[in-house]
Amino acid sequence: GPDGAVKNYATSWDKVIRNIYDNDDFGGQLSKT
């Protein structure tokens, strides 16, 4: 940002997987029985 604050978006496979798993269209479907 203009104030020099940095927010990282580069990721790791672990973070990618966590985001996918937390998606209701993925992990949310596994709990429906």
PDB file of all heavy atoms in Angstrom:
ATOM      1  N   GLY A   1       0.799  -1.214   0.000  1.00  0.00           N
ATOM      2  CA  GLY A   1       0.000   0.000   0.000  1.00  0.00           C
ATOM      3  C   GLY A   1       0.833   1.265   0.000  1.00  0.00           C
ATOM      4  O   GLY A   1       2.054   1.233   0.195  1.00  0.00           O
ATOM      5  N   PRO A   2       0.177   2.392  -0.214  1.00  0.00           N
ATOM      6  CA  PRO A   2       0.891   3.679  -0.195  1.00  0.00           C
ATOM      7  C   PRO A   2       1.607   3.940   1.123  1.00  0.00           C
ATOM      8  O   PRO A   2       2.600   4.675   1.157  1.00  0.00           O
ATOM      9  CB  PRO A   2      -0.235   4.696  -0.431  1.00  0.00           C
ATOM     10  CG  PRO A   2      -1.319   3.929  -1.118  1.00  0.00           C
ATOM     11  CD  PRO A   2      -1.245   2.544  -0.566  1.00  0.00           C
ATOM     12  N   ASP A   3       1.114   3.340   2.222  1.00  0.00           N
ATOM     13  CA  ASP A   3       1.759   3.530   3.530  1.00  0.00           C
ATOM     14  C   ASP A   3       2.903   2.547   3.756  1.00  0.00           C
ATOM     15  O   ASP A   3       3.517   2.525   4.830  1.00  0.00           O
ATOM     16  CB  ASP A   3       0.730   3.384   4.643  1.00  0.00           C
ATOM     17  CG  ASP A   3       0.062   2.004   4.639  1.00  0.00           C
ATOM     18  OD1 ASP A   3       0.317   1.222   3.694  1.00  0.00           O
ATOM     19  OD2 ASP A   3      -0.721   1.724   5.568  1.00  0.00           O
ATOM     20  N   GLY A   4       3.185   1.709   2.745  1.00  0.00           N
ATOM     21  CA  GLY A   4       4.287   0.751   2.861  1.00  0.00           C
ATOM     22  C   GLY A   4       3.894  -0.580   3.471  1.00  0.00           C
ATOM     23  O   GLY A   4       4.705  -1.512   3.510  1.00  0.00           O
ATOM     24  N   ALA A   5       2.653  -0.698   3.947  1.00  0.00           N
ATOM     25  CA  ALA A   5       2.206  -1.966   4.542  1.00  0.00           C
ATOM     26  C   ALA A   5       2.084  -3.030   3.453  1.00  0.00           C
ATOM     27  O   ALA A   5       1.596  -2.757   2.345  1.00  0.00           O
ATOM     28  CB  ALA A   5       0.876  -1.776   5.249  1.00  0.00           C
ATOM     29  N   VAL A   6       2.525  -4.240   3.784  1.00  0.00           N
ATOM     30  CA  VAL A   6       2.560  -5.331   2.811  1.00  0.00           C
ATOM     31  C   VAL A   6       1.595  -6.435   3.229  1.00  0.00           C
ATOM     32  O   VAL A   6       1.551  -6.838   4.393  1.00  0.00           O
ATOM     33  CB  VAL A   6       3.984  -5.913   2.681  1.00  0.00           C
ATOM     34  CG1 VAL A   6       3.989  -7.152   1.793  1.00  0.00           C
ATOM     35  CG2 VAL A   6       4.927  -4.850   2.117  1.00  0.00           C
ATOM     36  N   LYS A   7       0.802  -6.903   2.263  1.00  0.00           N
ATOM     37  CA  LYS A   7      -0.056  -8.062   2.486  1.00  0.00           C
ATOM     38  C   LYS A   7       0.323  -9.128   1.474  1.00  0.00           C
ATOM     39  O   LYS A   7       0.238  -8.909   0.262  1.00  0.00           O
ATOM     40  CB  LYS A   7      -1.530  -7.699   2.349  1.00  0.00           C
ATOM     41  CG  LYS A   7      -2.451  -8.875   2.662  1.00  0.00           C
ATOM     42  CD  LYS A   7      -3.924  -8.464   2.634  1.00  0.00           C
ATOM     43  CE  LYS A   7      -4.809  -9.651   2.975  1.00  0.00           C
ATOM     44  NZ  LYS A   7      -6.254  -9.284   2.958  1.00  0.00           N
ATOM     45  N   ASN A   8       0.740 -10.297   1.958  1.00  0.00           N
ATOM     46  CA  ASN A   8       1.222 -11.364   1.076  1.00  0.00           C
ATOM     47  C   ASN A   8       0.068 -12.183   0.513  1.00  0.00           C
ATOM     48  O   ASN A   8      -0.872 -12.537   1.230  1.00  0.00           O
ATOM     49  CB  ASN A   8       2.178 -12.294   1.829  1.00  0.00           C
ATOM     50  CG  ASN A   8       3.528 -11.645   2.061  1.00  0.00           C
ATOM     51  OD1 ASN A   8       4.155 -11.153   1.128  1.00  0.00           O
ATOM     52  ND2 ASN A   8       3.968 -11.614   3.308  1.00  0.00           N
ATOM     53  N   TYR A   9       0.174 -12.498  -0.769  1.00  0.00           N
ATOM     54  CA  TYR A   9      -0.793 -13.383  -1.429  1.00  0.00           C
ATOM     55  C   TYR A   9      -0.126 -14.621  -1.995  1.00  0.00           C
ATOM     56  O   TYR A   9      -0.810 -15.605  -2.298  1.00  0.00           O
ATOM     57  CB  TYR A   9      -1.528 -12.637  -2.542  1.00  0.00           C
ATOM     58  CG  TYR A   9      -2.502 -11.618  -2.010  1.00  0.00           C
ATOM     59  CD1 TYR A   9      -2.125 -10.286  -1.845  1.00  0.00           C
ATOM     60  CD2 TYR A   9      -3.789 -11.986  -1.645  1.00  0.00           C
ATOM     61  CE1 TYR A   9      -3.014  -9.349  -1.342  1.00  0.00           C
ATOM     62  CE2 TYR A   9      -4.685 -11.050  -1.136  1.00  0.00           C
ATOM     63  CZ  TYR A   9      -4.292  -9.741  -0.993  1.00  0.00           C
ATOM     64  OH  TYR A   9      -5.172  -8.809  -0.484  1.00  0.00           O
ATOM     65  N   ALA A  10       1.191 -14.561  -2.204  1.00  0.00           N
ATOM     66  CA  ALA A  10       1.907 -15.773  -2.619  1.00  0.00           C
ATOM     67  C   ALA A  10       1.660 -16.839  -1.563  1.00  0.00           C
ATOM     68  O   ALA A  10       1.636 -16.560  -0.362  1.00  0.00           O
ATOM     69  CB  ALA A  10       3.395 -15.492  -2.766  1.00  0.00           C
ATOM     70  N   THR A  11       1.479 -18.053  -1.987  1.00  0.00           N
ATOM     71  CA  THR A  11       0.967 -19.060  -1.068  1.00  0.00           C
ATOM     72  C   THR A  11       1.769 -20.349  -1.147  1.00  0.00           C
ATOM     73  O   THR A  11       2.694 -20.478  -1.940  1.00  0.00           O
ATOM     74  CB  THR A  11      -0.522 -19.323  -1.380  1.00  0.00           C
ATOM     75  OG1 THR A  11      -1.068 -20.176  -0.376  1.00  0.00           O
ATOM     76  CG2 THR A  11      -0.694 -19.987  -2.739  1.00  0.00           C
ATOM     77  N   SER A  12       1.384 -21.276  -0.324  1.00  0.00           N
ATOM     78  CA  SER A  12       1.976 -22.616  -0.320  1.00  0.00           C
ATOM     79  C   SER A  12       0.882 -23.613  -0.651  1.00  0.00           C
ATOM     80  O   SER A  12      -0.312 -23.293  -0.618  1.00  0.00           O
ATOM     81  CB  SER A  12       2.558 -22.931   1.067  1.00  0.00           C
ATOM     82  OG  SER A  12       1.517 -23.001   2.028  1.00  0.00           O
ATOM     83  N   TRP A  13       1.283 -24.840  -0.947  1.00  0.00           N
ATOM     84  CA  TRP A  13       0.275 -25.861  -1.241  1.00  0.00           C
ATOM     85  C   TRP A  13      -0.626 -26.101  -0.029  1.00  0.00           C
ATOM     86  O   TRP A  13      -1.829 -26.341  -0.174  1.00  0.00           O
ATOM     87  CB  TRP A  13       0.939 -27.160  -1.691  1.00  0.00           C
ATOM     88  CG  TRP A  13       1.433 -27.124  -3.108  1.00  0.00           C
ATOM     89  CD1 TRP A  13       2.710 -27.247  -3.555  1.00  0.00           C
ATOM     90  CD2 TRP A  13       0.633 -26.937  -4.286  1.00  0.00           C
ATOM     91  NE1 TRP A  13       2.767 -27.145  -4.928  1.00  0.00           N
ATOM     92  CE2 TRP A  13       1.499 -26.953  -5.395  1.00  0.00           C
ATOM     93  CE3 TRP A  13      -0.730 -26.741  -4.502  1.00  0.00           C
ATOM     94  CZ2 TRP A  13       1.046 -26.808  -6.703  1.00  0.00           C
ATOM     95  CZ3 TRP A  13      -1.191 -26.590  -5.814  1.00  0.00           C
ATOM     96  CH2 TRP A  13      -0.306 -26.621  -6.895  1.00  0.00           C
ATOM     97  N   ASP A  14      -0.065 -26.030   1.168  1.00  0.00           N
ATOM     98  CA  ASP A  14      -0.885 -26.237   2.366  1.00  0.00           C
ATOM     99  C   ASP A  14      -2.002 -25.197   2.460  1.00  0.00           C
ATOM    100  O   ASP A  14      -3.145 -25.514   2.805  1.00  0.00           O
ATOM    101  CB  ASP A  14      -0.015 -26.190   3.631  1.00  0.00           C
ATOM    102  CG  ASP A  14       0.812 -27.458   3.814  1.00  0.00           C
ATOM    103  OD1 ASP A  14       0.355 -28.521   3.347  1.00  0.00           O
ATOM    104  OD2 ASP A  14       1.894 -27.375   4.415  1.00  0.00           O
ATOM    105  N   LYS A  15      -1.671 -23.934   2.161  1.00  0.00           N
ATOM    106  CA  LYS A  15      -2.688 -22.879   2.213  1.00  0.00           C
ATOM    107  C   LYS A  15      -3.716 -23.045   1.100  1.00  0.00           C
ATOM    108  O   LYS A  15      -4.917 -22.821   1.305  1.00  0.00           O
ATOM    109  CB  LYS A  15      -2.016 -21.509   2.112  1.00  0.00           C
ATOM    110  CG  LYS A  15      -1.189 -21.129   3.340  1.00  0.00           C
ATOM    111  CD  LYS A  15      -0.559 -19.762   3.163  1.00  0.00           C
ATOM    112  CE  LYS A  15       0.284 -19.384   4.377  1.00  0.00           C
ATOM    113  NZ  LYS A  15       0.956 -18.071   4.184  1.00  0.00           N
ATOM    114  N   VAL A  16      -3.239 -23.428  -0.083  1.00  0.00           N
ATOM    115  CA  VAL A  16      -4.162 -23.677  -1.197  1.00  0.00           C
ATOM    116  C   VAL A  16      -5.165 -24.758  -0.821  1.00  0.00           C
ATOM    117  O   VAL A  16      -6.382 -24.619  -1.016  1.00  0.00           O
ATOM    118  CB  VAL A  16      -3.387 -24.078  -2.474  1.00  0.00           C
ATOM    119  CG1 VAL A  16      -4.341 -24.617  -3.538  1.00  0.00           C
ATOM    120  CG2 VAL A  16      -2.618 -22.888  -3.025  1.00  0.00           C
ATOM    121  N   ILE A  17      -4.648 -25.845  -0.251  1.00  0.00           N
ATOM    122  CA  ILE A  17      -5.511 -26.971   0.124  1.00  0.00           C
ATOM    123  C   ILE A  17      -6.501 -26.553   1.202  1.00  0.00           C
ATOM    124  O   ILE A  17      -7.681 -26.924   1.157  1.00  0.00           O
ATOM    125  CB  ILE A  17      -4.660 -28.155   0.611  1.00  0.00           C
ATOM    126  CG1 ILE A  17      -3.716 -28.634  -0.509  1.00  0.00           C
ATOM    127  CG2 ILE A  17      -5.530 -29.299   1.086  1.00  0.00           C
ATOM    128  CD1 ILE A  17      -4.391 -28.973  -1.792  1.00  0.00           C
ATOM    129  N   ARG A  18      -6.043 -25.787   2.167  1.00  0.00           N
ATOM    130  CA  ARG A  18      -6.935 -25.338   3.242  1.00  0.00           C
ATOM    131  C   ARG A  18      -8.082 -24.508   2.669  1.00  0.00           C
ATOM    132  O   ARG A  18      -9.251 -24.685   3.047  1.00  0.00           O
ATOM    133  CB  ARG A  18      -6.138 -24.538   4.277  1.00  0.00           C
ATOM    134  CG  ARG A  18      -6.953 -23.795   5.301  1.00  0.00           C
ATOM    135  CD  ARG A  18      -7.935 -24.685   6.055  1.00  0.00           C
ATOM    136  NE  ARG A  18      -7.257 -25.628   6.937  1.00  0.00           N
ATOM    137  CZ  ARG A  18      -7.901 -26.516   7.675  1.00  0.00           C
ATOM    138  NH1 ARG A  18      -9.230 -26.599   7.619  1.00  0.00           N
ATOM    139  NH2 ARG A  18      -7.227 -27.344   8.450  1.00  0.00           N
ATOM    140  N   ASN A  19      -7.780 -23.609   1.739  1.00  0.00           N
ATOM    141  CA  ASN A  19      -8.827 -22.783   1.133  1.00  0.00           C
ATOM    142  C   ASN A  19      -9.827 -23.627   0.355  1.00  0.00           C
ATOM    143  O   ASN A  19     -11.036 -23.375   0.388  1.00  0.00           O
ATOM    144  CB  ASN A  19      -8.204 -21.724   0.217  1.00  0.00           C
ATOM    145  CG  ASN A  19      -7.512 -20.626   0.993  1.00  0.00           C
ATOM    146  OD1 ASN A  19      -7.845 -20.360   2.141  1.00  0.00           O
ATOM    147  ND2 ASN A  19      -6.534 -19.982   0.364  1.00  0.00           N
ATOM    148  N   ILE A  20      -9.325 -24.625  -0.359  1.00  0.00           N
ATOM    149  CA  ILE A  20     -10.217 -25.508  -1.119  1.00  0.00           C
ATOM    150  C   ILE A  20     -11.095 -26.318  -0.164  1.00  0.00           C
ATOM    151  O   ILE A  20     -12.304 -26.445  -0.357  1.00  0.00           O
ATOM    152  CB  ILE A  20      -9.407 -26.433  -2.039  1.00  0.00           C
ATOM    153  CG1 ILE A  20      -8.727 -25.623  -3.156  1.00  0.00           C
ATOM    154  CG2 ILE A  20     -10.299 -27.518  -2.651  1.00  0.00           C
ATOM    155  CD1 ILE A  20      -7.771 -26.429  -4.012  1.00  0.00           C
ATOM    156  N   TYR A  21     -10.467 -26.854   0.873  1.00  0.00           N
ATOM    157  CA  TYR A  21     -11.201 -27.707   1.813  1.00  0.00           C
ATOM    158  C   TYR A  21     -12.292 -26.911   2.537  1.00  0.00           C
ATOM    159  O   TYR A  21     -13.379 -27.433   2.816  1.00  0.00           O
ATOM    160  CB  TYR A  21     -10.240 -28.321   2.824  1.00  0.00           C
ATOM    161  CG  TYR A  21     -10.871 -29.403   3.678  1.00  0.00           C
ATOM    162  CD1 TYR A  21     -11.052 -30.684   3.178  1.00  0.00           C
ATOM    163  CD2 TYR A  21     -11.289 -29.137   4.982  1.00  0.00           C
ATOM    164  CE1 TYR A  21     -11.630 -31.683   3.949  1.00  0.00           C
ATOM    165  CE2 TYR A  21     -11.869 -30.117   5.766  1.00  0.00           C
ATOM    166  CZ  TYR A  21     -12.037 -31.384   5.249  1.00  0.00           C
ATOM    167  OH  TYR A  21     -12.623 -32.368   6.010  1.00  0.00           O
ATOM    168  N   ASP A  22     -12.019 -25.644   2.834  1.00  0.00           N
ATOM    169  CA  ASP A  22     -12.990 -24.810   3.546  1.00  0.00           C
ATOM    170  C   ASP A  22     -14.120 -24.312   2.645  1.00  0.00           C
ATOM    171  O   ASP A  22     -15.105 -23.761   3.141  1.00  0.00           O
ATOM    172  CB  ASP A  22     -12.286 -23.606   4.177  1.00  0.00           C
ATOM    173  CG  ASP A  22     -11.400 -24.010   5.356  1.00  0.00           C
ATOM    174  OD1 ASP A  22     -11.588 -25.131   5.876  1.00  0.00           O
ATOM    175  OD2 ASP A  22     -10.519 -23.220   5.737  1.00  0.00           O
ATOM    176  N   ASN A  23     -13.972 -24.507   1.348  1.00  0.00           N
ATOM    177  CA  ASN A  23     -15.014 -24.105   0.402  1.00  0.00           C
ATOM    178  C   ASN A  23     -16.227 -25.023   0.584  1.00  0.00           C
ATOM    179  O   ASN A  23     -16.105 -26.249   0.546  1.00  0.00           O
ATOM    180  CB  ASN A  23     -14.469 -24.213  -1.029  1.00  0.00           C
ATOM    181  CG  ASN A  23     -15.439 -23.682  -2.068  1.00  0.00           C
ATOM    182  OD1 ASN A  23     -16.651 -23.638  -1.865  1.00  0.00           O
ATOM    183  ND2 ASN A  23     -14.901 -23.290  -3.200  1.00  0.00           N
ATOM    184  N   ASP A  24     -17.403 -24.448   0.755  1.00  0.00           N
ATOM    185  CA  ASP A  24     -18.601 -25.259   0.976  1.00  0.00           C
ATOM    186  C   ASP A  24     -18.888 -26.183  -0.200  1.00  0.00           C
ATOM    187  O   ASP A  24     -19.480 -27.257  -0.020  1.00  0.00           O
ATOM    188  CB  ASP A  24     -19.811 -24.362   1.227  1.00  0.00           C
ATOM    189  CG  ASP A  24     -21.057 -25.155   1.586  1.00  0.00           C
ATOM    190  OD1 ASP A  24     -21.032 -25.863   2.612  1.00  0.00           O
ATOM    191  OD2 ASP A  24     -22.033 -25.098   0.816  1.00  0.00           O
ATOM    192  N   ASP A  25     -18.462 -25.798  -1.399  1.00  0.00           N
ATOM    193  CA  ASP A  25     -18.686 -26.644  -2.569  1.00  0.00           C
ATOM    194  C   ASP A  25     -17.703 -27.807  -2.639  1.00  0.00           C
ATOM    195  O   ASP A  25     -17.808 -28.656  -3.537  1.00  0.00           O
ATOM    196  CB  ASP A  25     -18.574 -25.815  -3.855  1.00  0.00           C
ATOM    197  CG  ASP A  25     -19.767 -24.884  -4.030  1.00  0.00           C
ATOM    198  OD1 ASP A  25     -20.840 -25.211  -3.500  1.00  0.00           O
ATOM    199  OD2 ASP A  25     -19.617 -23.841  -4.686  1.00  0.00           O
ATOM    200  N   PHE A  26     -16.759 -27.851  -1.700  1.00  0.00           N
ATOM    201  CA  PHE A  26     -15.837 -28.988  -1.626  1.00  0.00           C
ATOM    202  C   PHE A  26     -15.982 -29.679  -0.269  1.00  0.00           C
ATOM    203  O   PHE A  26     -16.716 -30.658  -0.125  1.00  0.00           O
ATOM    204  CB  PHE A  26     -14.396 -28.544  -1.864  1.00  0.00           C
ATOM    205  CG  PHE A  26     -13.420 -29.677  -1.914  1.00  0.00           C
ATOM    206  CD1 PHE A  26     -13.181 -30.353  -3.101  1.00  0.00           C
ATOM    207  CD2 PHE A  26     -12.725 -30.096  -0.773  1.00  0.00           C
ATOM    208  CE1 PHE A  26     -12.286 -31.410  -3.156  1.00  0.00           C
ATOM    209  CE2 PHE A  26     -11.831 -31.143  -0.817  1.00  0.00           C
ATOM    210  CZ  PHE A  26     -11.616 -31.811  -2.018  1.00  0.00           C
ATOM    211  N   GLY A  27     -15.321 -29.154   0.753  1.00  0.00           N
ATOM    212  CA  GLY A  27     -15.367 -29.786   2.070  1.00  0.00           C
ATOM    213  C   GLY A  27     -16.764 -29.829   2.651  1.00  0.00           C
ATOM    214  O   GLY A  27     -17.140 -30.798   3.340  1.00  0.00           O
ATOM    215  N   GLY A  28     -17.566 -28.808   2.366  1.00  0.00           N
ATOM    216  CA  GLY A  28     -18.930 -28.774   2.887  1.00  0.00           C
ATOM    217  C   GLY A  28     -19.794 -29.902   2.375  1.00  0.00           C
ATOM    218  O   GLY A  28     -20.722 -30.357   3.055  1.00  0.00           O
ATOM    219  N   GLN A  29     -19.495 -30.391   1.170  1.00  0.00           N
ATOM    220  CA  GLN A  29     -20.293 -31.472   0.584  1.00  0.00           C
ATOM    221  C   GLN A  29     -19.992 -32.828   1.230  1.00  0.00           C
ATOM    222  O   GLN A  29     -20.811 -33.750   1.177  1.00  0.00           O
ATOM    223  CB  GLN A  29     -20.035 -31.560  -0.922  1.00  0.00           C
ATOM    224  CG  GLN A  29     -20.329 -30.282  -1.684  1.00  0.00           C
ATOM    225  CD  GLN A  29     -21.772 -29.832  -1.542  1.00  0.00           C
ATOM    226  OE1 GLN A  29     -22.702 -30.598  -1.764  1.00  0.00           O
ATOM    227  NE2 GLN A  29     -21.958 -28.571  -1.143  1.00  0.00           N
ATOM    228  N   LEU A  30     -18.810 -32.958   1.829  1.00  0.00           N
ATOM    229  CA  LEU A  30     -18.412 -34.248   2.411  1.00  0.00           C
ATOM    230  C   LEU A  30     -19.168 -34.568   3.694  1.00  0.00           C
ATOM    231  O   LEU A  30     -19.236 -35.737   4.100  1.00  0.00           O
ATOM    232  CB  LEU A  30     -16.902 -34.250   2.676  1.00  0.00           C
ATOM    233  CG  LEU A  30     -16.007 -34.097   1.443  1.00  0.00           C
ATOM    234  CD1 LEU A  30     -14.548 -33.978   1.861  1.00  0.00           C
ATOM    235  CD2 LEU A  30     -16.196 -35.264   0.489  1.00  0.00           C
ATOM    236  N   SER A  31     -19.711 -33.546   4.330  1.00  0.00           N
ATOM    237  CA  SER A  31     -20.412 -33.768   5.606  1.00  0.00           C
ATOM    238  C   SER A  31     -21.907 -34.015   5.423  1.00  0.00           C
ATOM    239  O   SER A  31     -22.609 -34.321   6.387  1.00  0.00           O
ATOM    240  CB  SER A  31     -20.200 -32.565   6.524  1.00  0.00           C
ATOM    241  OG  SER A  31     -20.716 -31.387   5.918  1.00  0.00           O
ATOM    242  N   LYS A  32     -22.417 -33.891   4.207  1.00  0.00           N
ATOM    243  CA  LYS A  32     -23.849 -34.094   3.957  1.00  0.00           C
ATOM    244  C   LYS A  32     -24.113 -35.585   3.753  1.00  0.00           C
ATOM    245  O   LYS A  32     -23.525 -36.206   2.867  1.00  0.00           O
ATOM    246  CB  LYS A  32     -24.293 -33.295   2.728  1.00  0.00           C
ATOM    247  CG  LYS A  32     -24.055 -31.790   2.851  1.00  0.00           C
ATOM    248  CD  LYS A  32     -24.486 -31.066   1.585  1.00  0.00           C
ATOM    249  CE  LYS A  32     -24.077 -29.594   1.606  1.00  0.00           C
ATOM    250  NZ  LYS A  32     -24.715 -28.836   2.665  1.00  0.00           N
ATOM    251  N   THR A  33     -25.003 -36.149   4.558  1.00  0.00           N
ATOM    252  CA  THR A  33     -25.267 -37.597   4.478  1.00  0.00           C
ATOM    253  C   THR A  33     -26.748 -37.951   4.494  1.00  0.00           C
ATOM    254  O   THR A  33     -27.120 -39.057   4.090  1.00  0.00           O
ATOM    255  CB  THR A  33     -24.593 -38.331   5.648  1.00  0.00           C
ATOM    256  OG1 THR A  33     -25.159 -37.871   6.887  1.00  0.00           O
ATOM    257  CG2 THR A  33     -23.091 -38.094   5.669  1.00  0.00           C
TER     258      THR A  33
END
